[in-house]
Amino acid sequence: MKVALVTGGGAPGGIGAAIVTTLQDDGWTVLVADLGGDADVVGDLSTSAGAAAAVDTVLERHGRLDLLVNNAGGGVLRAFVDHDEESITKTIAGNLLTAIHCTQAAIPHLPSPGGRIVNIGAESVRNGLSLHAMYNAAKGGVHGLTTGLARELAPRGITVNCVAPSIIATDAVKGMLADPSGYSQEWNAMIEEAVALIPTGRAGTVEEVAAVVRFIASPDASFVTGQIISVNGGSSMS
């Protein structure tokens, strides 16, 4: 039995939910930790206590943890100068601190060799999408955590990688694209820019992101570590 903990997977129609379904289809036993929604563990993962409680729940129920997917994110998207203390804290905590605390809690329990950590980053870190400067500060930290930790854990046979999606057609994004009237002109311009940056001319799907997570989590990816893997339709290429 392979056991995974996926953070931020409680919202239907999101990337996290697709990752959960894909891993389950691949034979994984998956627990979801989130602030609410359809989660097995409900709590604030941006704190060390909340992250430890989530990992402890996995161990109590299944006795092992093979894979951590740091998918929890969110935060506030707005012009950098318009951020205040609350929105800065929310954005950094929701994206970077959750990854830090959950990873610290999980590492002692991951199999050595064979353990897997997959972080969900962001293509906007590379392409500088409008309204994303503060969000990119948080997700850029996740990218940096990935490479540094991959080197640190490589001698133990634990891989650490990051999947960086561009704009993805989650249920929320589909709603924005279908009816932009409920959003500000600045917000709609940002969504249009996000799609326009993609040579393939469309948003990605949650299933396309989940498929990359599935590969990284598999034994076939045992020699892949420290990588920022873009799922971006070509919006940046290197």
C-alpha atoms as a PDB file:
ATOM      1  CA  MET A   1       0.000   0.000   0.000  1.00  0.00           C
ATOM      2  CA  LYS A   2       1.285   3.440  -0.995  1.00  0.00           C
ATOM      3  CA  VAL A   3       0.052   6.350   1.123  1.00  0.00           C
ATOM      4  CA  ALA A   4      -0.042   9.999   0.075  1.00  0.00           C
ATOM      5  CA  LEU A   5      -0.950  13.235   1.818  1.00  0.00           C
ATOM      6  CA  VAL A   6      -2.257  15.958  -0.513  1.00  0.00           C
ATOM      7  CA  THR A   7      -2.654  19.440   0.928  1.00  0.00           C
ATOM      8  CA  GLY A   8      -5.228  21.845  -0.428  1.00  0.00           C
ATOM      9  CA  GLY A   9      -7.176  19.101  -2.156  1.00  0.00           C
ATOM     10  CA  GLY A  10     -10.563  19.767  -0.595  1.00  0.00           C
ATOM     11  CA  ALA A  11     -12.066  22.052  -3.250  1.00  0.00           C
ATOM     12  CA  PRO A  12     -14.007  20.277  -6.038  1.00  0.00           C
ATOM     13  CA  GLY A  13     -12.803  21.044  -9.553  1.00  0.00           C
ATOM     14  CA  GLY A  14      -9.365  22.196  -8.462  1.00  0.00           C
ATOM     15  CA  ILE A  15      -5.852  20.965  -9.138  1.00  0.00           C
ATOM     16  CA  GLY A  16      -5.660  19.276  -5.745  1.00  0.00           C
ATOM     17  CA  ALA A  17      -8.856  17.294  -6.306  1.00  0.00           C
ATOM     18  CA  ALA A  18      -7.555  16.109  -9.690  1.00  0.00           C
ATOM     19  CA  ILE A  19      -4.287  15.020  -8.096  1.00  0.00           C
ATOM     20  CA  VAL A  20      -6.205  13.040  -5.478  1.00  0.00           C
ATOM     21  CA  THR A  21      -8.329  11.266  -8.101  1.00  0.00           C
ATOM     22  CA  THR A  22      -5.333  10.521 -10.325  1.00  0.00           C
ATOM     23  CA  LEU A  23      -3.284   9.059  -7.479  1.00  0.00           C
ATOM     24  CA  GLN A  24      -6.225   6.966  -6.301  1.00  0.00           C
ATOM     25  CA  ASP A  25      -6.691   5.633  -9.822  1.00  0.00           C
ATOM     26  CA  ASP A  26      -3.016   4.669  -9.693  1.00  0.00           C
ATOM     27  CA  GLY A  27      -3.502   2.639  -6.520  1.00  0.00           C
ATOM     28  CA  TRP A  28      -2.534   5.188  -3.891  1.00  0.00           C
ATOM     29  CA  THR A  29      -4.328   5.599  -0.591  1.00  0.00           C
ATOM     30  CA  VAL A  30      -4.760   9.360  -0.321  1.00  0.00           C
ATOM     31  CA  LEU A  31      -5.626  11.625   2.584  1.00  0.00           C
ATOM     32  CA  VAL A  32      -6.539  15.256   1.979  1.00  0.00           C
ATOM     33  CA  ALA A  33      -5.627  18.086   4.331  1.00  0.00           C
ATOM     34  CA  ASP A  34      -7.238  21.479   3.871  1.00  0.00           C
ATOM     35  CA  LEU A  35      -8.854  24.387   5.674  1.00  0.00           C
ATOM     36  CA  GLY A  36     -12.246  22.897   4.867  1.00  0.00           C
ATOM     37  CA  GLY A  37     -14.212  21.417   2.012  1.00  0.00           C
ATOM     38  CA  ASP A  38     -13.940  17.712   1.244  1.00  0.00           C
ATOM     39  CA  ALA A  39     -10.924  17.092   3.481  1.00  0.00           C
ATOM     40  CA  ASP A  40      -9.936  14.180   5.728  1.00  0.00           C
ATOM     41  CA  VAL A  41      -7.933  16.530   7.946  1.00  0.00           C
ATOM     42  CA  VAL A  42      -9.152  20.077   8.555  1.00  0.00           C
ATOM     43  CA  GLY A  43      -6.714  22.606   9.957  1.00  0.00           C
ATOM     44  CA  ASP A  44      -4.333  25.470   9.350  1.00  0.00           C
ATOM     45  CA  LEU A  45      -1.356  23.896   7.601  1.00  0.00           C
ATOM     46  CA  SER A  46       0.613  27.137   7.668  1.00  0.00           C
ATOM     47  CA  THR A  47       1.400  26.432  11.326  1.00  0.00           C
ATOM     48  CA  SER A  48       3.753  23.748  12.599  1.00  0.00           C
ATOM     49  CA  ALA A  49       1.002  22.365  14.842  1.00  0.00           C
ATOM     50  CA  GLY A  50      -1.508  22.111  11.990  1.00  0.00           C
ATOM     51  CA  ALA A  51       1.003  20.449   9.687  1.00  0.00           C
ATOM     52  CA  ALA A  52       2.093  17.979  12.373  1.00  0.00           C
ATOM     53  CA  ALA A  53      -1.535  17.081  13.087  1.00  0.00           C
ATOM     54  CA  ALA A  54      -2.127  16.295   9.413  1.00  0.00           C
ATOM     55  CA  VAL A  55       0.909  14.009   9.207  1.00  0.00           C
ATOM     56  CA  ASP A  56       0.023  12.371  12.523  1.00  0.00           C
ATOM     57  CA  THR A  57      -3.458  11.595  11.193  1.00  0.00           C
ATOM     58  CA  VAL A  58      -1.992   9.847   8.162  1.00  0.00           C
ATOM     59  CA  LEU A  59       0.299   7.754  10.374  1.00  0.00           C
ATOM     60  CA  GLU A  60      -2.473   6.898  12.830  1.00  0.00           C
ATOM     61  CA  ARG A  61      -4.782   5.697  10.057  1.00  0.00           C
ATOM     62  CA  HIS A  62      -2.299   3.967   7.774  1.00  0.00           C
ATOM     63  CA  GLY A  63       1.002   3.604   9.597  1.00  0.00           C
ATOM     64  CA  ARG A  64       3.111   5.112   6.830  1.00  0.00           C
ATOM     65  CA  LEU A  65       3.591   8.076   4.503  1.00  0.00           C
ATOM     66  CA  ASP A  66       5.242   7.676   1.103  1.00  0.00           C
ATOM     67  CA  LEU A  67       4.334  10.882  -0.702  1.00  0.00           C
ATOM     68  CA  LEU A  68       3.648  14.477   0.283  1.00  0.00           C
ATOM     69  CA  VAL A  69       2.046  16.763  -2.300  1.00  0.00           C
ATOM     70  CA  ASN A  70       2.261  20.399  -1.216  1.00  0.00           C
ATOM     71  CA  ASN A  71      -0.618  21.718  -3.277  1.00  0.00           C
ATOM     72  CA  ALA A  72      -2.166  24.158  -0.783  1.00  0.00           C
ATOM     73  CA  GLY A  73      -1.973  27.727  -2.004  1.00  0.00           C
ATOM     74  CA  GLY A  74      -4.148  30.684  -2.843  1.00  0.00           C
ATOM     75  CA  GLY A  75      -3.629  34.065  -1.294  1.00  0.00           C
ATOM     76  CA  VAL A  76      -4.373  37.508  -2.670  1.00  0.00           C
ATOM     77  CA  LEU A  77      -3.676  38.677  -6.230  1.00  0.00           C
ATOM     78  CA  ARG A  78      -3.431  42.459  -6.533  1.00  0.00           C
ATOM     79  CA  ALA A  79      -0.973  45.168  -7.483  1.00  0.00           C
ATOM     80  CA  PHE A  80       2.111  44.948  -5.273  1.00  0.00           C
ATOM     81  CA  VAL A  81       1.732  48.450  -3.817  1.00  0.00           C
ATOM     82  CA  ASP A  82      -1.854  47.668  -2.812  1.00  0.00           C
ATOM     83  CA  HIS A  83      -0.901  44.803  -0.527  1.00  0.00           C
ATOM     84  CA  ASP A  84      -1.249  45.313   3.209  1.00  0.00           C
ATOM     85  CA  GLU A  85      -0.038  43.332   6.191  1.00  0.00           C
ATOM     86  CA  GLU A  86      -3.055  41.023   6.105  1.00  0.00           C
ATOM     87  CA  SER A  87      -2.849  40.183   2.409  1.00  0.00           C
ATOM     88  CA  ILE A  88       0.936  39.721   2.559  1.00  0.00           C
ATOM     89  CA  THR A  89       0.641  37.342   5.497  1.00  0.00           C
ATOM     90  CA  LYS A  90      -2.195  35.404   3.869  1.00  0.00           C
ATOM     91  CA  THR A  91      -0.316  34.974   0.600  1.00  0.00           C
ATOM     92  CA  ILE A  92       3.029  33.967   2.122  1.00  0.00           C
ATOM     93  CA  ALA A  93       1.441  31.686   4.721  1.00  0.00           C
ATOM     94  CA  GLY A  94      -0.930  29.934   2.328  1.00  0.00           C
ATOM     95  CA  ASN A  95       1.728  29.125  -0.241  1.00  0.00           C
ATOM     96  CA  LEU A  96       5.179  29.038   1.335  1.00  0.00           C
ATOM     97  CA  LEU A  97       4.655  28.372   5.044  1.00  0.00           C
ATOM     98  CA  THR A  98       2.295  25.479   4.373  1.00  0.00           C
ATOM     99  CA  ALA A  99       4.942  23.831   2.203  1.00  0.00           C
ATOM    100  CA  ILE A 100       7.661  24.460   4.774  1.00  0.00           C
ATOM    101  CA  HIS A 101       5.747  23.164   7.797  1.00  0.00           C
ATOM    102  CA  CYS A 102       4.174  20.168   6.056  1.00  0.00           C
ATOM    103  CA  THR A 103       7.531  19.146   4.613  1.00  0.00           C
ATOM    104  CA  GLN A 104       9.263  19.426   7.978  1.00  0.00           C
ATOM    105  CA  ALA A 105       6.561  17.280   9.535  1.00  0.00           C
ATOM    106  CA  ALA A 106       6.657  14.679   6.771  1.00  0.00           C
ATOM    107  CA  ILE A 107      10.384  14.147   6.183  1.00  0.00           C
ATOM    108  CA  PRO A 108      11.095  11.990   9.278  1.00  0.00           C
ATOM    109  CA  HIS A 109       8.403   9.546   8.175  1.00  0.00           C
ATOM    110  CA  LEU A 110       9.139   9.210   4.451  1.00  0.00           C
ATOM    111  CA  PRO A 111      10.785   5.952   3.361  1.00  0.00           C
ATOM    112  CA  SER A 112      14.497   6.136   2.677  1.00  0.00           C
ATOM    113  CA  PRO A 113      14.954   5.377  -0.149  1.00  0.00           C
ATOM    114  CA  GLY A 114      11.705   5.863  -2.063  1.00  0.00           C
ATOM    115  CA  GLY A 115      10.074   8.853  -0.411  1.00  0.00           C
ATOM    116  CA  ARG A 116       8.592  11.545  -2.604  1.00  0.00           C
ATOM    117  CA  ILE A 117       7.849  15.242  -2.117  1.00  0.00           C
ATOM    118  CA  VAL A 118       6.025  17.109  -4.888  1.00  0.00           C
ATOM    119  CA  ASN A 119       5.486  20.842  -4.572  1.00  0.00           C
ATOM    120  CA  ILE A 120       3.034  22.793  -6.696  1.00  0.00           C
ATOM    121  CA  GLY A 121       4.663  26.020  -7.829  1.00  0.00           C
ATOM    122  CA  ALA A 122       3.634  28.531 -10.473  1.00  0.00           C
ATOM    123  CA  GLU A 123       4.562  29.458 -14.037  1.00  0.00           C
ATOM    124  CA  SER A 124       3.977  33.102 -13.096  1.00  0.00           C
ATOM    125  CA  VAL A 125       7.283  33.001 -11.197  1.00  0.00           C
ATOM    126  CA  ARG A 126       8.965  32.709 -14.603  1.00  0.00           C
ATOM    127  CA  ASN A 127       6.756  34.881 -16.827  1.00  0.00           C
ATOM    128  CA  GLY A 128       6.005  37.772 -14.464  1.00  0.00           C
ATOM    129  CA  LEU A 129       2.219  37.731 -14.864  1.00  0.00           C
ATOM    130  CA  SER A 130       0.409  40.921 -13.819  1.00  0.00           C
ATOM    131  CA  LEU A 131      -0.865  41.209 -10.214  1.00  0.00           C
ATOM    132  CA  HIS A 132       1.334  38.268  -9.196  1.00  0.00           C
ATOM    133  CA  ALA A 133       4.407  39.907  -7.634  1.00  0.00           C
ATOM    134  CA  MET A 134       3.512  39.009  -4.020  1.00  0.00           C
ATOM    135  CA  TYR A 135       2.192  35.603  -5.040  1.00  0.00           C
ATOM    136  CA  ASN A 136       5.420  35.015  -6.966  1.00  0.00           C
ATOM    137  CA  ALA A 137       7.446  35.907  -3.890  1.00  0.00           C
ATOM    138  CA  ALA A 138       5.691  33.033  -2.112  1.00  0.00           C
ATOM    139  CA  LYS A 139       5.750  30.544  -4.974  1.00  0.00           C
ATOM    140  CA  GLY A 140       9.321  31.495  -5.830  1.00  0.00           C
ATOM    141  CA  GLY A 141      10.158  30.445  -2.299  1.00  0.00           C
ATOM    142  CA  VAL A 142       8.535  27.084  -3.005  1.00  0.00           C
ATOM    143  CA  HIS A 143      10.708  26.724  -6.108  1.00  0.00           C
ATOM    144  CA  GLY A 144      13.814  27.537  -4.071  1.00  0.00           C
ATOM    145  CA  LEU A 145      12.777  25.135  -1.322  1.00  0.00           C
ATOM    146  CA  THR A 146      12.510  22.416  -3.953  1.00  0.00           C
ATOM    147  CA  THR A 147      16.037  22.677  -5.285  1.00  0.00           C
ATOM    148  CA  GLY A 148      17.717  23.153  -1.925  1.00  0.00           C
ATOM    149  CA  LEU A 149      15.840  20.307  -0.271  1.00  0.00           C
ATOM    150  CA  ALA A 150      16.365  17.975  -3.219  1.00  0.00           C
ATOM    151  CA  ARG A 151      20.124  18.190  -2.749  1.00  0.00           C
ATOM    152  CA  GLU A 152      19.804  17.763   1.010  1.00  0.00           C
ATOM    153  CA  LEU A 153      17.619  14.650   0.766  1.00  0.00           C
ATOM    154  CA  ALA A 154      19.252  13.015  -2.267  1.00  0.00           C
ATOM    155  CA  PRO A 155      21.626  10.877  -0.141  1.00  0.00           C
ATOM    156  CA  ARG A 156      18.549   9.394   1.547  1.00  0.00           C
ATOM    157  CA  GLY A 157      16.909   8.477  -1.760  1.00  0.00           C
ATOM    158  CA  ILE A 158      14.041  10.933  -1.271  1.00  0.00           C
ATOM    159  CA  THR A 159      13.198  13.001  -4.334  1.00  0.00           C
ATOM    160  CA  VAL A 160      11.859  16.559  -4.253  1.00  0.00           C
ATOM    161  CA  ASN A 161      10.365  18.157  -7.355  1.00  0.00           C
ATOM    162  CA  CYS A 162       8.054  21.008  -8.245  1.00  0.00           C
ATOM    163  CA  VAL A 163       5.258  21.168 -10.814  1.00  0.00           C
ATOM    164  CA  ALA A 164       4.708  24.735 -12.046  1.00  0.00           C
ATOM    165  CA  PRO A 165       1.389  25.215 -13.871  1.00  0.00           C
ATOM    166  CA  SER A 166       0.382  28.174 -15.985  1.00  0.00           C
ATOM    167  CA  ILE A 167      -3.281  29.234 -15.933  1.00  0.00           C
ATOM    168  CA  ILE A 168      -5.344  26.078 -15.447  1.00  0.00           C
ATOM    169  CA  ALA A 169      -9.034  25.599 -16.178  1.00  0.00           C
ATOM    170  CA  THR A 170     -10.176  24.826 -12.658  1.00  0.00           C
ATOM    171  CA  ASP A 171     -13.874  25.260 -11.976  1.00  0.00           C
ATOM    172  CA  ALA A 172     -13.148  28.745 -10.635  1.00  0.00           C
ATOM    173  CA  VAL A 173     -11.182  29.786 -13.718  1.00  0.00           C
ATOM    174  CA  LYS A 174     -13.822  28.320 -16.031  1.00  0.00           C
ATOM    175  CA  GLY A 175     -16.373  30.549 -14.313  1.00  0.00           C
ATOM    176  CA  MET A 176     -14.205  33.629 -14.845  1.00  0.00           C
ATOM    177  CA  LEU A 177     -13.667  32.832 -18.519  1.00  0.00           C
ATOM    178  CA  ALA A 178     -17.356  32.107 -19.103  1.00  0.00           C
ATOM    179  CA  ASP A 179     -18.676  35.250 -17.390  1.00  0.00           C
ATOM    180  CA  PRO A 180     -16.108  38.004 -16.836  1.00  0.00           C
ATOM    181  CA  SER A 181     -18.785  40.568 -15.944  1.00  0.00           C
ATOM    182  CA  GLY A 182     -18.466  39.892 -12.223  1.00  0.00           C
ATOM    183  CA  TYR A 183     -14.782  40.797 -12.117  1.00  0.00           C
ATOM    184  CA  SER A 184     -12.836  44.038 -12.380  1.00  0.00           C
ATOM    185  CA  GLN A 185     -11.328  45.247 -15.635  1.00  0.00           C
ATOM    186  CA  GLU A 186      -7.851  44.795 -14.145  1.00  0.00           C
ATOM    187  CA  TRP A 187      -8.621  41.216 -13.147  1.00  0.00           C
ATOM    188  CA  ASN A 188     -10.066  40.304 -16.551  1.00  0.00           C
ATOM    189  CA  ALA A 189      -7.037  41.828 -18.277  1.00  0.00           C
ATOM    190  CA  MET A 190      -4.786  39.626 -16.158  1.00  0.00           C
ATOM    191  CA  ILE A 191      -6.746  36.492 -17.122  1.00  0.00           C
ATOM    192  CA  GLU A 192      -6.564  37.446 -20.795  1.00  0.00           C
ATOM    193  CA  GLU A 193      -2.823  38.065 -20.455  1.00  0.00           C
ATOM    194  CA  ALA A 194      -2.321  34.668 -18.817  1.00  0.00           C
ATOM    195  CA  VAL A 195      -3.923  32.889 -21.766  1.00  0.00           C
ATOM    196  CA  ALA A 196      -2.279  35.149 -24.372  1.00  0.00           C
ATOM    197  CA  LEU A 197       1.172  34.201 -23.054  1.00  0.00           C
ATOM    198  CA  ILE A 198       0.522  30.558 -23.955  1.00  0.00           C
ATOM    199  CA  PRO A 199       1.464  29.611 -27.551  1.00  0.00           C
ATOM    200  CA  THR A 200      -0.993  26.722 -27.571  1.00  0.00           C
ATOM    201  CA  GLY A 201      -3.748  29.285 -27.012  1.00  0.00           C
ATOM    202  CA  ARG A 202      -5.605  27.747 -24.114  1.00  0.00           C
ATOM    203  CA  ALA A 203      -5.561  27.176 -20.401  1.00  0.00           C
ATOM    204  CA  GLY A 204      -4.316  23.814 -19.199  1.00  0.00           C
ATOM    205  CA  THR A 205      -6.492  21.205 -17.560  1.00  0.00           C
ATOM    206  CA  VAL A 206      -6.325  19.957 -13.993  1.00  0.00           C
ATOM    207  CA  GLU A 207      -5.819  16.457 -15.367  1.00  0.00           C
ATOM    208  CA  GLU A 208      -2.712  17.563 -17.272  1.00  0.00           C
ATOM    209  CA  VAL A 209      -1.164  18.855 -14.053  1.00  0.00           C
ATOM    210  CA  ALA A 210      -2.150  15.736 -12.124  1.00  0.00           C
ATOM    211  CA  ALA A 211      -0.588  13.493 -14.762  1.00  0.00           C
ATOM    212  CA  VAL A 212       2.816  15.086 -14.184  1.00  0.00           C
ATOM    213  CA  VAL A 213       2.429  14.642 -10.421  1.00  0.00           C
ATOM    214  CA  ARG A 214       1.602  10.992 -11.031  1.00  0.00           C
ATOM    215  CA  PHE A 215       4.831  10.485 -12.967  1.00  0.00           C
ATOM    216  CA  ILE A 216       7.021  12.233 -10.394  1.00  0.00           C
ATOM    217  CA  ALA A 217       5.470  10.130  -7.645  1.00  0.00           C
ATOM    218  CA  SER A 218       6.082   6.879  -9.500  1.00  0.00           C
ATOM    219  CA  PRO A 219       9.126   4.572  -9.325  1.00  0.00           C
ATOM    220  CA  ASP A 220       9.867   5.563 -12.925  1.00  0.00           C
ATOM    221  CA  ALA A 221      10.935   8.997 -11.656  1.00  0.00           C
ATOM    222  CA  SER A 222      13.479   7.791  -9.100  1.00  0.00           C
ATOM    223  CA  PHE A 223      16.286   9.634 -10.963  1.00  0.00           C
ATOM    224  CA  VAL A 224      14.326  12.905 -11.240  1.00  0.00           C
ATOM    225  CA  THR A 225      14.925  15.343  -8.391  1.00  0.00           C
ATOM    226  CA  GLY A 226      15.386  19.067  -7.861  1.00  0.00           C
ATOM    227  CA  GLN A 227      13.400  19.914 -10.998  1.00  0.00           C
ATOM    228  CA  ILE A 228      10.902  22.700 -11.640  1.00  0.00           C
ATOM    229  CA  ILE A 229       8.667  21.038 -14.231  1.00  0.00           C
ATOM    230  CA  SER A 230       6.484  23.495 -16.118  1.00  0.00           C
ATOM    231  CA  VAL A 231       3.004  22.534 -17.298  1.00  0.00           C
ATOM    232  CA  ASN A 232       2.480  25.685 -19.286  1.00  0.00           C
ATOM    233  CA  GLY A 233       1.612  25.178 -22.954  1.00  0.00           C
ATOM    234  CA  GLY A 234       4.943  26.784 -23.857  1.00  0.00           C
ATOM    235  CA  SER A 235       4.464  30.139 -22.093  1.00  0.00           C
ATOM    236  CA  SER A 236       8.122  29.905 -21.122  1.00  0.00           C
ATOM    237  CA  MET A 237      10.660  27.586 -22.669  1.00  0.00           C
ATOM    238  CA  SER A 238      14.075  26.512 -21.418  1.00  0.00           C
END
